[in-house]
Amino acid sequence: MKLFPIFTLVAVIALGLQAADLGGTWKGSMETEGGSVEMTIVLKSASAVAGTVKSDQFTEAPIENARIDGHKIAFEINISYGKLVFEGDVSGDEMKLTVAGTQGNKYPLRCTRQKQ
């Protein structure tokens, strides 16, 4: 009987550590040397991070090498100019990312999940 409270606590902690549902369309913009770039990130509802990223600067690209750890998220896309790396935090309907460009420059990108 003394183990029941421990098992209950472990179950509650495990549920809290599961990845949140990030599914949906996320939109934001970032300022670069070339001006403002609008980004749309479409994430599928699943336990793994999958989806696409598109912008007014490049066509839609699939998300690769995605990782999520609690509120931390990271993924990459490959476009004609090279690889872009996205890393940051997700909280509710807001995603704050740093995007490492093809030349190594880093840009802040704040996205919000669009209401369906």
C-alpha atoms as a PDB file:
ATOM      1  CA  MET A   1       0.000   0.000   0.000  1.00  0.00           C
ATOM      2  CA  LYS A   2       2.903   2.375   0.573  1.00  0.00           C
ATOM      3  CA  LEU A   3       3.854   2.045  -3.088  1.00  0.00           C
ATOM      4  CA  PHE A   4       0.493   3.327  -4.386  1.00  0.00           C
ATOM      5  CA  PRO A   5       1.287   7.019  -3.718  1.00  0.00           C
ATOM      6  CA  ILE A   6       4.668   6.611  -5.450  1.00  0.00           C
ATOM      7  CA  PHE A   7       3.092   4.994  -8.533  1.00  0.00           C
ATOM      8  CA  THR A   8       0.449   7.722  -8.637  1.00  0.00           C
ATOM      9  CA  LEU A   9       3.106  10.440  -8.460  1.00  0.00           C
ATOM     10  CA  VAL A  10       5.162   8.788 -11.218  1.00  0.00           C
ATOM     11  CA  ALA A  11       2.062   8.529 -13.455  1.00  0.00           C
ATOM     12  CA  VAL A  12       1.198  12.209 -12.956  1.00  0.00           C
ATOM     13  CA  ILE A  13       4.779  13.286 -13.737  1.00  0.00           C
ATOM     14  CA  ALA A  14       4.874  11.081 -16.856  1.00  0.00           C
ATOM     15  CA  LEU A  15       1.649  12.615 -18.169  1.00  0.00           C
ATOM     16  CA  GLY A  16       3.046  16.095 -17.640  1.00  0.00           C
ATOM     17  CA  LEU A  17       6.193  15.261 -19.603  1.00  0.00           C
ATOM     18  CA  GLN A  18       4.346  14.108 -22.711  1.00  0.00           C
ATOM     19  CA  ALA A  19       4.725  16.405 -25.699  1.00  0.00           C
ATOM     20  CA  ALA A  20       1.928  18.884 -26.127  1.00  0.00           C
ATOM     21  CA  ASP A  21      -0.143  18.737 -29.289  1.00  0.00           C
ATOM     22  CA  LEU A  22       1.611  21.207 -31.568  1.00  0.00           C
ATOM     23  CA  GLY A  23      -0.626  20.489 -34.547  1.00  0.00           C
ATOM     24  CA  GLY A  24      -1.881  23.407 -36.567  1.00  0.00           C
ATOM     25  CA  THR A  25      -0.744  26.340 -38.658  1.00  0.00           C
ATOM     26  CA  TRP A  26       1.771  28.708 -37.065  1.00  0.00           C
ATOM     27  CA  LYS A  27       2.522  32.098 -38.643  1.00  0.00           C
ATOM     28  CA  GLY A  28       5.141  34.709 -37.916  1.00  0.00           C
ATOM     29  CA  SER A  29       7.801  36.938 -39.404  1.00  0.00           C
ATOM     30  CA  MET A  30      11.481  37.643 -38.922  1.00  0.00           C
ATOM     31  CA  GLU A  31      13.654  40.574 -39.876  1.00  0.00           C
ATOM     32  CA  THR A  32      16.677  39.795 -42.064  1.00  0.00           C
ATOM     33  CA  GLU A  33      19.211  41.904 -43.931  1.00  0.00           C
ATOM     34  CA  GLY A  34      16.918  41.583 -46.952  1.00  0.00           C
ATOM     35  CA  GLY A  35      13.831  42.741 -45.056  1.00  0.00           C
ATOM     36  CA  SER A  36      10.896  41.084 -43.353  1.00  0.00           C
ATOM     37  CA  VAL A  37      10.273  37.404 -44.146  1.00  0.00           C
ATOM     38  CA  GLU A  38       6.842  35.902 -43.488  1.00  0.00           C
ATOM     39  CA  MET A  39       6.919  32.237 -42.382  1.00  0.00           C
ATOM     40  CA  THR A  40       4.189  29.610 -42.172  1.00  0.00           C
ATOM     41  CA  ILE A  41       4.890  26.409 -40.244  1.00  0.00           C
ATOM     42  CA  VAL A  42       2.304  23.655 -40.581  1.00  0.00           C
ATOM     43  CA  LEU A  43       2.653  20.919 -37.955  1.00  0.00           C
ATOM     44  CA  LYS A  44       0.724  17.679 -38.018  1.00  0.00           C
ATOM     45  CA  SER A  45      -1.059  16.532 -34.859  1.00  0.00           C
ATOM     46  CA  ALA A  46       1.051  13.644 -33.600  1.00  0.00           C
ATOM     47  CA  SER A  47       3.514  12.734 -30.885  1.00  0.00           C
ATOM     48  CA  ALA A  48       6.422  13.400 -33.268  1.00  0.00           C
ATOM     49  CA  VAL A  49       7.089  16.738 -34.915  1.00  0.00           C
ATOM     50  CA  ALA A  50       6.282  16.540 -38.632  1.00  0.00           C
ATOM     51  CA  GLY A  51       5.089  19.040 -41.187  1.00  0.00           C
ATOM     52  CA  THR A  52       6.272  21.763 -43.544  1.00  0.00           C
ATOM     53  CA  VAL A  53       7.623  25.304 -43.582  1.00  0.00           C
ATOM     54  CA  LYS A  54       7.033  27.862 -46.321  1.00  0.00           C
ATOM     55  CA  SER A  55       7.812  31.516 -46.793  1.00  0.00           C
ATOM     56  CA  ASP A  56       7.538  34.323 -49.284  1.00  0.00           C
ATOM     57  CA  GLN A  57      11.261  33.656 -49.987  1.00  0.00           C
ATOM     58  CA  PHE A  58      11.090  29.908 -50.759  1.00  0.00           C
ATOM     59  CA  THR A  59       8.634  27.150 -51.603  1.00  0.00           C
ATOM     60  CA  GLU A  60       7.278  24.691 -49.067  1.00  0.00           C
ATOM     61  CA  ALA A  61       9.909  22.409 -47.500  1.00  0.00           C
ATOM     62  CA  PRO A  62       9.387  19.339 -45.296  1.00  0.00           C
ATOM     63  CA  ILE A  63      10.540  19.416 -41.670  1.00  0.00           C
ATOM     64  CA  GLU A  64      13.516  17.127 -40.992  1.00  0.00           C
ATOM     65  CA  ASN A  65      15.481  16.004 -37.916  1.00  0.00           C
ATOM     66  CA  ALA A  66      12.784  17.256 -35.541  1.00  0.00           C
ATOM     67  CA  ARG A  67      13.165  17.006 -31.769  1.00  0.00           C
ATOM     68  CA  ILE A  68      10.943  18.036 -28.914  1.00  0.00           C
ATOM     69  CA  ASP A  69      11.903  17.923 -25.251  1.00  0.00           C
ATOM     70  CA  GLY A  70       9.289  19.398 -22.938  1.00  0.00           C
ATOM     71  CA  HIS A  71       8.770  22.954 -24.168  1.00  0.00           C
ATOM     72  CA  LYS A  72      11.936  22.934 -26.353  1.00  0.00           C
ATOM     73  CA  ILE A  73      11.595  22.324 -30.097  1.00  0.00           C
ATOM     74  CA  ALA A  74      14.163  22.026 -32.881  1.00  0.00           C
ATOM     75  CA  PHE A  75      13.974  21.075 -36.550  1.00  0.00           C
ATOM     76  CA  GLU A  76      15.588  21.720 -39.918  1.00  0.00           C
ATOM     77  CA  ILE A  77      14.482  22.320 -43.479  1.00  0.00           C
ATOM     78  CA  ASN A  78      16.454  22.152 -46.695  1.00  0.00           C
ATOM     79  CA  ILE A  79      15.728  24.760 -49.334  1.00  0.00           C
ATOM     80  CA  SER A  80      17.443  25.629 -52.618  1.00  0.00           C
ATOM     81  CA  TYR A  81      19.734  28.074 -50.760  1.00  0.00           C
ATOM     82  CA  GLY A  82      20.787  25.488 -48.139  1.00  0.00           C
ATOM     83  CA  LYS A  83      19.740  24.324 -44.682  1.00  0.00           C
ATOM     84  CA  LEU A  84      17.782  26.405 -42.148  1.00  0.00           C
ATOM     85  CA  VAL A  85      17.845  25.331 -38.493  1.00  0.00           C
ATOM     86  CA  PHE A  86      14.968  26.293 -36.149  1.00  0.00           C
ATOM     87  CA  GLU A  87      15.375  26.065 -32.357  1.00  0.00           C
ATOM     88  CA  GLY A  88      13.327  27.478 -29.521  1.00  0.00           C
ATOM     89  CA  ASP A  89      10.449  27.197 -27.089  1.00  0.00           C
ATOM     90  CA  VAL A  90       6.733  26.530 -27.373  1.00  0.00           C
ATOM     91  CA  SER A  91       4.243  27.808 -24.840  1.00  0.00           C
ATOM     92  CA  GLY A  92       0.550  27.363 -25.591  1.00  0.00           C
ATOM     93  CA  ASP A  93      -0.159  29.066 -28.910  1.00  0.00           C
ATOM     94  CA  GLU A  94       3.186  30.871 -29.120  1.00  0.00           C
ATOM     95  CA  MET A  95       6.471  29.594 -30.553  1.00  0.00           C
ATOM     96  CA  LYS A  96       9.665  31.637 -30.062  1.00  0.00           C
ATOM     97  CA  LEU A  97      12.383  30.378 -32.374  1.00  0.00           C
ATOM     98  CA  THR A  98      15.869  31.275 -33.477  1.00  0.00           C
ATOM     99  CA  VAL A  99      16.463  30.526 -37.150  1.00  0.00           C
ATOM    100  CA  ALA A 100      20.039  29.888 -38.249  1.00  0.00           C
ATOM    101  CA  GLY A 101      20.250  30.946 -41.889  1.00  0.00           C
ATOM    102  CA  THR A 102      22.202  29.373 -44.714  1.00  0.00           C
ATOM    103  CA  GLN A 103      25.131  31.734 -44.048  1.00  0.00           C
ATOM    104  CA  GLY A 104      25.095  31.080 -40.280  1.00  0.00           C
ATOM    105  CA  ASN A 105      23.276  34.303 -39.366  1.00  0.00           C
ATOM    106  CA  LYS A 106      20.658  33.929 -36.616  1.00  0.00           C
ATOM    107  CA  TYR A 107      17.252  35.577 -36.649  1.00  0.00           C
ATOM    108  CA  PRO A 108      14.470  35.629 -34.041  1.00  0.00           C
ATOM    109  CA  LEU A 109      11.120  34.286 -35.249  1.00  0.00           C
ATOM    110  CA  ARG A 110       7.961  34.541 -33.150  1.00  0.00           C
ATOM    111  CA  CYS A 111       5.008  32.501 -34.411  1.00  0.00           C
ATOM    112  CA  THR A 112       1.458  32.174 -33.174  1.00  0.00           C
ATOM    113  CA  ARG A 113      -0.867  29.259 -33.808  1.00  0.00           C
ATOM    114  CA  GLN A 114      -3.731  30.296 -36.056  1.00  0.00           C
ATOM    115  CA  LYS A 115      -7.273  29.617 -34.889  1.00  0.00           C
ATOM    116  CA  GLN A 116      -9.118  27.109 -37.049  1.00  0.00           C
END
